[in-house]
Amino acid sequence: MSINKVKEIADEADVIINGYAITKCQLGFSVVNLNMNNSSAVFDFNNEMIETSMDDIELSIARDYLLKSKQFLEFNE
């Protein structure tokens, strides 16, 4: 991922935790690891993974960051 793409994702993120950009999307939430090329996941509003390119350990970390950040995200279900 180019530095410009990383900057764009970071600028659009609702929350960034430890290098993970979390952004509300139509399906729920997108979580992108800004430090690793092509490492992302999409979760629905019930915190269930819809799509990912992360391994199981990183996916668990991303889900934890999402759960911890939800109190700071404004969304309507």
PDB file of N, CA and C in Angstrom:
ATOM      1  N   MET A   1       0.850  -1.159   0.000  1.00  0.00           N
ATOM      2  CA  MET A   1       0.000   0.000   0.000  1.00  0.00           C
ATOM      3  C   MET A   1       0.904   1.233   0.000  1.00  0.00           C
ATOM      4  N   SER A   2       0.603   2.155  -0.864  1.00  0.00           N
ATOM      5  CA  SER A   2       1.425   3.361  -0.967  1.00  0.00           C
ATOM      6  C   SER A   2       1.194   4.261   0.243  1.00  0.00           C
ATOM      7  N   ILE A   3       2.135   5.113   0.500  1.00  0.00           N
ATOM      8  CA  ILE A   3       2.031   6.047   1.624  1.00  0.00           C
ATOM      9  C   ILE A   3       0.836   6.972   1.448  1.00  0.00           C
ATOM     10  N   ASN A   4       0.510   7.319   0.212  1.00  0.00           N
ATOM     11  CA  ASN A   4      -0.652   8.169  -0.045  1.00  0.00           C
ATOM     12  C   ASN A   4      -1.951   7.450   0.298  1.00  0.00           C
ATOM     13  N   LYS A   5      -2.028   6.154  -0.011  1.00  0.00           N
ATOM     14  CA  LYS A   5      -3.222   5.365   0.307  1.00  0.00           C
ATOM     15  C   LYS A   5      -3.355   5.203   1.822  1.00  0.00           C
ATOM     16  N   VAL A   6      -2.240   4.975   2.513  1.00  0.00           N
ATOM     17  CA  VAL A   6      -2.262   4.860   3.975  1.00  0.00           C
ATOM     18  C   VAL A   6      -2.761   6.168   4.580  1.00  0.00           C
ATOM     19  N   LYS A   7      -2.256   7.294   4.076  1.00  0.00           N
ATOM     20  CA  LYS A   7      -2.687   8.603   4.575  1.00  0.00           C
ATOM     21  C   LYS A   7      -4.174   8.821   4.317  1.00  0.00           C
ATOM     22  N   GLU A   8      -4.652   8.430   3.152  1.00  0.00           N
ATOM     23  CA  GLU A   8      -6.065   8.585   2.810  1.00  0.00           C
ATOM     24  C   GLU A   8      -6.949   7.763   3.755  1.00  0.00           C
ATOM     25  N   ILE A   9      -6.567   6.515   4.006  1.00  0.00           N
ATOM     26  CA  ILE A   9      -7.333   5.652   4.911  1.00  0.00           C
ATOM     27  C   ILE A   9      -7.322   6.232   6.323  1.00  0.00           C
ATOM     28  N   ALA A  10      -6.154   6.682   6.769  1.00  0.00           N
ATOM     29  CA  ALA A  10      -6.039   7.263   8.106  1.00  0.00           C
ATOM     30  C   ALA A  10      -6.883   8.533   8.234  1.00  0.00           C
ATOM     31  N   ASP A  11      -6.884   9.368   7.214  1.00  0.00           N
ATOM     32  CA  ASP A  11      -7.662  10.607   7.244  1.00  0.00           C
ATOM     33  C   ASP A  11      -9.167  10.344   7.300  1.00  0.00           C
ATOM     34  N   GLU A  12      -9.617   9.272   6.669  1.00  0.00           N
ATOM     35  CA  GLU A  12     -11.039   8.950   6.627  1.00  0.00           C
ATOM     36  C   GLU A  12     -11.498   8.134   7.839  1.00  0.00           C
ATOM     37  N   ALA A  13     -10.567   7.623   8.622  1.00  0.00           N
ATOM     38  CA  ALA A  13     -10.913   6.758   9.756  1.00  0.00           C
ATOM     39  C   ALA A  13     -11.669   7.533  10.830  1.00  0.00           C
ATOM     40  N   ASP A  14     -12.605   6.841  11.451  1.00  0.00           N
ATOM     41  CA  ASP A  14     -13.328   7.419  12.581  1.00  0.00           C
ATOM     42  C   ASP A  14     -12.494   7.326  13.855  1.00  0.00           C
ATOM     43  N   VAL A  15     -11.726   6.246  13.980  1.00  0.00           N
ATOM     44  CA  VAL A  15     -10.870   6.013  15.139  1.00  0.00           C
ATOM     45  C   VAL A  15      -9.613   5.289  14.657  1.00  0.00           C
ATOM     46  N   ILE A  16      -8.464   5.629  15.244  1.00  0.00           N
ATOM     47  CA  ILE A  16      -7.235   4.872  14.995  1.00  0.00           C
ATOM     48  C   ILE A  16      -6.705   4.416  16.341  1.00  0.00           C
ATOM     49  N   ILE A  17      -6.521   3.107  16.467  1.00  0.00           N
ATOM     50  CA  ILE A  17      -5.992   2.513  17.697  1.00  0.00           C
ATOM     51  C   ILE A  17      -4.792   1.664  17.331  1.00  0.00           C
ATOM     52  N   ASN A  18      -3.640   2.011  17.874  1.00  0.00           N
ATOM     53  CA  ASN A  18      -2.419   1.226  17.714  1.00  0.00           C
ATOM     54  C   ASN A  18      -2.151   0.841  16.257  1.00  0.00           C
ATOM     55  N   GLY A  19      -2.386   1.760  15.341  1.00  0.00           N
ATOM     56  CA  GLY A  19      -2.110   1.517  13.932  1.00  0.00           C
ATOM     57  C   GLY A  19      -3.241   0.866  13.160  1.00  0.00           C
ATOM     58  N   TYR A  20      -4.381   0.646  13.804  1.00  0.00           N
ATOM     59  CA  TYR A  20      -5.547   0.076  13.129  1.00  0.00           C
ATOM     60  C   TYR A  20      -6.572   1.183  12.914  1.00  0.00           C
ATOM     61  N   ALA A  21      -6.914   1.449  11.661  1.00  0.00           N
ATOM     62  CA  ALA A  21      -7.902   2.465  11.312  1.00  0.00           C
ATOM     63  C   ALA A  21      -9.281   1.809  11.250  1.00  0.00           C
ATOM     64  N   ILE A  22     -10.205   2.348  12.017  1.00  0.00           N
ATOM     65  CA  ILE A  22     -11.564   1.805  12.075  1.00  0.00           C
ATOM     66  C   ILE A  22     -12.498   2.854  11.483  1.00  0.00           C
ATOM     67  N   THR A  23     -13.262   2.425  10.478  1.00  0.00           N
ATOM     68  CA  THR A  23     -14.145   3.322   9.752  1.00  0.00           C
ATOM     69  C   THR A  23     -15.518   2.685   9.618  1.00  0.00           C
ATOM     70  N   LYS A  24     -16.558   3.452   9.903  1.00  0.00           N
ATOM     71  CA  LYS A  24     -17.922   2.979   9.684  1.00  0.00           C
ATOM     72  C   LYS A  24     -18.163   2.864   8.186  1.00  0.00           C
ATOM     73  N   CYS A  25     -18.800   1.777   7.759  1.00  0.00           N
ATOM     74  CA  CYS A  25     -19.151   1.590   6.347  1.00  0.00           C
ATOM     75  C   CYS A  25     -20.574   1.057   6.264  1.00  0.00           C
ATOM     76  N   GLN A  26     -21.077   0.863   5.068  1.00  0.00           N
ATOM     77  CA  GLN A  26     -22.460   0.412   4.891  1.00  0.00           C
ATOM     78  C   GLN A  26     -22.718  -0.947   5.531  1.00  0.00           C
ATOM     79  N   LEU A  27     -21.736  -1.833   5.489  1.00  0.00           N
ATOM     80  CA  LEU A  27     -21.904  -3.179   6.037  1.00  0.00           C
ATOM     81  C   LEU A  27     -21.687  -3.239   7.536  1.00  0.00           C
ATOM     82  N   GLY A  28     -21.031  -2.243   8.094  1.00  0.00           N
ATOM     83  CA  GLY A  28     -20.701  -2.229   9.511  1.00  0.00           C
ATOM     84  C   GLY A  28     -19.466  -1.397   9.745  1.00  0.00           C
ATOM     85  N   PHE A  29     -18.319  -2.101   9.911  1.00  0.00           N
ATOM     86  CA  PHE A  29     -17.066  -1.410  10.194  1.00  0.00           C
ATOM     87  C   PHE A  29     -15.921  -2.035   9.415  1.00  0.00           C
ATOM     88  N   SER A  30     -15.076  -1.181   8.872  1.00  0.00           N
ATOM     89  CA  SER A  30     -13.858  -1.605   8.197  1.00  0.00           C
ATOM     90  C   SER A  30     -12.697  -1.362   9.156  1.00  0.00           C
ATOM     91  N   VAL A  31     -11.821  -2.377   9.289  1.00  0.00           N
ATOM     92  CA  VAL A  31     -10.635  -2.251  10.136  1.00  0.00           C
ATOM     93  C   VAL A  31      -9.420  -2.531   9.254  1.00  0.00           C
ATOM     94  N   VAL A  32      -8.511  -1.561   9.160  1.00  0.00           N
ATOM     95  CA  VAL A  32      -7.333  -1.680   8.305  1.00  0.00           C
ATOM     96  C   VAL A  32      -6.085  -1.495   9.153  1.00  0.00           C
ATOM     97  N   ASN A  33      -5.145  -2.432   9.032  1.00  0.00           N
ATOM     98  CA  ASN A  33      -3.856  -2.301   9.695  1.00  0.00           C
ATOM     99  C   ASN A  33      -3.007  -1.377   8.832  1.00  0.00           C
ATOM    100  N   LEU A  34      -2.720  -0.192   9.328  1.00  0.00           N
ATOM    101  CA  LEU A  34      -1.976   0.797   8.555  1.00  0.00           C
ATOM    102  C   LEU A  34      -0.496   0.446   8.423  1.00  0.00           C
ATOM    103  N   ASN A  35      -0.021  -0.501   9.221  1.00  0.00           N
ATOM    104  CA  ASN A  35       1.392  -0.874   9.214  1.00  0.00           C
ATOM    105  C   ASN A  35       1.703  -2.076   8.319  1.00  0.00           C
ATOM    106  N   MET A  36       0.661  -2.759   7.829  1.00  0.00           N
ATOM    107  CA  MET A  36       0.883  -3.950   7.001  1.00  0.00           C
ATOM    108  C   MET A  36       0.107  -3.834   5.702  1.00  0.00           C
ATOM    109  N   ASN A  37       0.778  -4.121   4.623  1.00  0.00           N
ATOM    110  CA  ASN A  37       0.161  -4.066   3.309  1.00  0.00           C
ATOM    111  C   ASN A  37      -0.939  -5.121   3.184  1.00  0.00           C
ATOM    112  N   ASN A  38      -2.118  -4.712   2.747  1.00  0.00           N
ATOM    113  CA  ASN A  38      -3.233  -5.615   2.466  1.00  0.00           C
ATOM    114  C   ASN A  38      -3.708  -6.399   3.682  1.00  0.00           C
ATOM    115  N   SER A  39      -3.773  -5.786   4.824  1.00  0.00           N
ATOM    116  CA  SER A  39      -4.260  -6.435   6.038  1.00  0.00           C
ATOM    117  C   SER A  39      -5.488  -5.675   6.524  1.00  0.00           C
ATOM    118  N   SER A  40      -6.674  -6.249   6.247  1.00  0.00           N
ATOM    119  CA  SER A  40      -7.909  -5.559   6.605  1.00  0.00           C
ATOM    120  C   SER A  40      -9.018  -6.563   6.888  1.00  0.00           C
ATOM    121  N   ALA A  41     -10.086  -6.049   7.492  1.00  0.00           N
ATOM    122  CA  ALA A  41     -11.259  -6.879   7.783  1.00  0.00           C
ATOM    123  C   ALA A  41     -12.495  -5.993   7.777  1.00  0.00           C
ATOM    124  N   VAL A  42     -13.640  -6.609   7.491  1.00  0.00           N
ATOM    125  CA  VAL A  42     -14.922  -5.925   7.563  1.00  0.00           C
ATOM    126  C   VAL A  42     -15.790  -6.708   8.538  1.00  0.00           C
ATOM    127  N   PHE A  43     -16.378  -5.976   9.500  1.00  0.00           N
ATOM    128  CA  PHE A  43     -17.252  -6.570  10.498  1.00  0.00           C
ATOM    129  C   PHE A  43     -18.641  -5.982  10.350  1.00  0.00           C
ATOM    130  N   ASP A  44     -19.687  -6.806  10.600  1.00  0.00           N
ATOM    131  CA  ASP A  44     -21.036  -6.264  10.581  1.00  0.00           C
ATOM    132  C   ASP A  44     -21.311  -5.562  11.909  1.00  0.00           C
ATOM    133  N   PHE A  45     -22.515  -5.037  12.080  1.00  0.00           N
ATOM    134  CA  PHE A  45     -22.844  -4.284  13.286  1.00  0.00           C
ATOM    135  C   PHE A  45     -22.947  -5.171  14.524  1.00  0.00           C
ATOM    136  N   ASN A  46     -22.951  -6.502  14.338  1.00  0.00           N
ATOM    137  CA  ASN A  46     -22.963  -7.451  15.458  1.00  0.00           C
ATOM    138  C   ASN A  46     -21.571  -7.993  15.752  1.00  0.00           C
ATOM    139  N   ASN A  47     -20.560  -7.344  15.198  1.00  0.00           N
ATOM    140  CA  ASN A  47     -19.150  -7.712  15.407  1.00  0.00           C
ATOM    141  C   ASN A  47     -18.750  -9.031  14.762  1.00  0.00           C
ATOM    142  N   GLU A  48     -19.546  -9.516  13.832  1.00  0.00           N
ATOM    143  CA  GLU A  48     -19.217 -10.743  13.106  1.00  0.00           C
ATOM    144  C   GLU A  48     -18.402 -10.379  11.872  1.00  0.00           C
ATOM    145  N   MET A  49     -17.329 -11.118  11.642  1.00  0.00           N
ATOM    146  CA  MET A  49     -16.463 -10.868  10.507  1.00  0.00           C
ATOM    147  C   MET A  49     -17.180 -11.257   9.218  1.00  0.00           C
ATOM    148  N   ILE A  50     -17.169 -10.355   8.252  1.00  0.00           N
ATOM    149  CA  ILE A  50     -17.770 -10.605   6.944  1.00  0.00           C
ATOM    150  C   ILE A  50     -16.700 -10.997   5.935  1.00  0.00           C
ATOM    151  N   GLU A  51     -15.587 -10.273   5.977  1.00  0.00           N
ATOM    152  CA  GLU A  51     -14.511 -10.476   4.999  1.00  0.00           C
ATOM    153  C   GLU A  51     -13.190 -10.081   5.649  1.00  0.00           C
ATOM    154  N   THR A  52     -12.120 -10.818   5.313  1.00  0.00           N
ATOM    155  CA  THR A  52     -10.828 -10.478   5.902  1.00  0.00           C
ATOM    156  C   THR A  52      -9.666 -10.972   5.060  1.00  0.00           C
ATOM    157  N   SER A  53      -8.535 -10.324   5.239  1.00  0.00           N
ATOM    158  CA  SER A  53      -7.270 -10.799   4.694  1.00  0.00           C
ATOM    159  C   SER A  53      -6.275 -11.003   5.836  1.00  0.00           C
ATOM    160  N   MET A  54      -6.785 -10.961   7.082  1.00  0.00           N
ATOM    161  CA  MET A  54      -5.954 -11.120   8.272  1.00  0.00           C
ATOM    162  C   MET A  54      -5.891 -12.585   8.692  1.00  0.00           C
ATOM    163  N   ASP A  55      -4.802 -12.949   9.380  1.00  0.00           N
ATOM    164  CA  ASP A  55      -4.759 -14.282   9.969  1.00  0.00           C
ATOM    165  C   ASP A  55      -5.599 -14.270  11.251  1.00  0.00           C
ATOM    166  N   ASP A  56      -5.794 -15.431  11.864  1.00  0.00           N
ATOM    167  CA  ASP A  56      -6.682 -15.549  13.016  1.00  0.00           C
ATOM    168  C   ASP A  56      -6.249 -14.700  14.204  1.00  0.00           C
ATOM    169  N   ILE A  57      -4.960 -14.614  14.461  1.00  0.00           N
ATOM    170  CA  ILE A  57      -4.467 -13.834  15.594  1.00  0.00           C
ATOM    171  C   ILE A  57      -4.718 -12.346  15.375  1.00  0.00           C
ATOM    172  N   GLU A  58      -4.357 -11.854  14.189  1.00  0.00           N
ATOM    173  CA  GLU A  58      -4.567 -10.437  13.907  1.00  0.00           C
ATOM    174  C   GLU A  58      -6.055 -10.111  13.868  1.00  0.00           C
ATOM    175  N   LEU A  59      -6.869 -11.020  13.379  1.00  0.00           N
ATOM    176  CA  LEU A  59      -8.312 -10.810  13.339  1.00  0.00           C
ATOM    177  C   LEU A  59      -8.867 -10.648  14.751  1.00  0.00           C
ATOM    178  N   SER A  60      -8.375 -11.441  15.673  1.00  0.00           N
ATOM    179  CA  SER A  60      -8.785 -11.331  17.070  1.00  0.00           C
ATOM    180  C   SER A  60      -8.386  -9.968  17.649  1.00  0.00           C
ATOM    181  N   ILE A  61      -7.193  -9.518  17.328  1.00  0.00           N
ATOM    182  CA  ILE A  61      -6.727  -8.199  17.783  1.00  0.00           C
ATOM    183  C   ILE A  61      -7.605  -7.099  17.192  1.00  0.00           C
ATOM    184  N   ALA A  62      -7.892  -7.185  15.895  1.00  0.00           N
ATOM    185  CA  ALA A  62      -8.716  -6.180  15.225  1.00  0.00           C
ATOM    186  C   ALA A  62     -10.116  -6.131  15.835  1.00  0.00           C
ATOM    187  N   ARG A  63     -10.704  -7.303  16.125  1.00  0.00           N
ATOM    188  CA  ARG A  63     -12.038  -7.349  16.731  1.00  0.00           C
ATOM    189  C   ARG A  63     -12.008  -6.708  18.126  1.00  0.00           C
ATOM    190  N   ASP A  64     -10.965  -6.980  18.899  1.00  0.00           N
ATOM    191  CA  ASP A  64     -10.833  -6.367  20.228  1.00  0.00           C
ATOM    192  C   ASP A  64     -10.761  -4.847  20.124  1.00  0.00           C
ATOM    193  N   TYR A  65      -9.966  -4.340  19.187  1.00  0.00           N
ATOM    194  CA  TYR A  65      -9.876  -2.893  19.001  1.00  0.00           C
ATOM    195  C   TYR A  65     -11.220  -2.307  18.581  1.00  0.00           C
ATOM    196  N   LEU A  66     -11.943  -3.022  17.726  1.00  0.00           N
ATOM    197  CA  LEU A  66     -13.264  -2.555  17.307  1.00  0.00           C
ATOM    198  C   LEU A  66     -14.198  -2.476  18.507  1.00  0.00           C
ATOM    199  N   LEU A  67     -14.239  -3.511  19.319  1.00  0.00           N
ATOM    200  CA  LEU A  67     -15.125  -3.521  20.480  1.00  0.00           C
ATOM    201  C   LEU A  67     -14.773  -2.406  21.457  1.00  0.00           C
ATOM    202  N   LYS A  68     -13.489  -2.170  21.654  1.00  0.00           N
ATOM    203  CA  LYS A  68     -13.060  -1.114  22.570  1.00  0.00           C
ATOM    204  C   LYS A  68     -13.352   0.281  22.029  1.00  0.00           C
ATOM    205  N   SER A  69     -13.400   0.426  20.719  1.00  0.00           N
ATOM    206  CA  SER A  69     -13.599   1.752  20.131  1.00  0.00           C
ATOM    207  C   SER A  69     -15.062   2.086  19.881  1.00  0.00           C
ATOM    208  N   LYS A  70     -15.953   1.119  19.979  1.00  0.00           N
ATOM    209  CA  LYS A  70     -17.356   1.376  19.651  1.00  0.00           C
ATOM    210  C   LYS A  70     -17.971   2.479  20.501  1.00  0.00           C
ATOM    211  N   GLN A  71     -17.490   2.647  21.715  1.00  0.00           N
ATOM    212  CA  GLN A  71     -18.045   3.705  22.551  1.00  0.00           C
ATOM    213  C   GLN A  71     -17.743   5.094  21.987  1.00  0.00           C
ATOM    214  N   PHE A  72     -16.737   5.202  21.124  1.00  0.00           N
ATOM    215  CA  PHE A  72     -16.354   6.476  20.539  1.00  0.00           C
ATOM    216  C   PHE A  72     -16.952   6.682  19.146  1.00  0.00           C
ATOM    217  N   LEU A  73     -17.567   5.652  18.606  1.00  0.00           N
ATOM    218  CA  LEU A  73     -18.141   5.732  17.270  1.00  0.00           C
ATOM    219  C   LEU A  73     -19.621   6.051  17.356  1.00  0.00           C
ATOM    220  N   GLU A  74     -20.060   6.951  16.526  1.00  0.00           N
ATOM    221  CA  GLU A  74     -21.491   7.261  16.450  1.00  0.00           C
ATOM    222  C   GLU A  74     -22.050   6.529  15.248  1.00  0.00           C
ATOM    223  N   PHE A  75     -23.059   5.694  15.502  1.00  0.00           N
ATOM    224  CA  PHE A  75     -23.680   4.977  14.395  1.00  0.00           C
ATOM    225  C   PHE A  75     -25.115   4.656  14.727  1.00  0.00           C
ATOM    226  N   ASN A  76     -25.899   4.448  13.699  1.00  0.00           N
ATOM    227  CA  ASN A  76     -27.301   4.061  13.846  1.00  0.00           C
ATOM    228  C   ASN A  76     -27.453   2.668  13.267  1.00  0.00           C
ATOM    229  N   GLU A  77     -28.073   1.805  14.025  1.00  0.00           N
ATOM    230  CA  GLU A  77     -28.317   0.440  13.530  1.00  0.00           C
ATOM    231  C   GLU A  77     -29.726   0.334  13.019  1.00  0.00           C
TER     232      GLU A  77
END
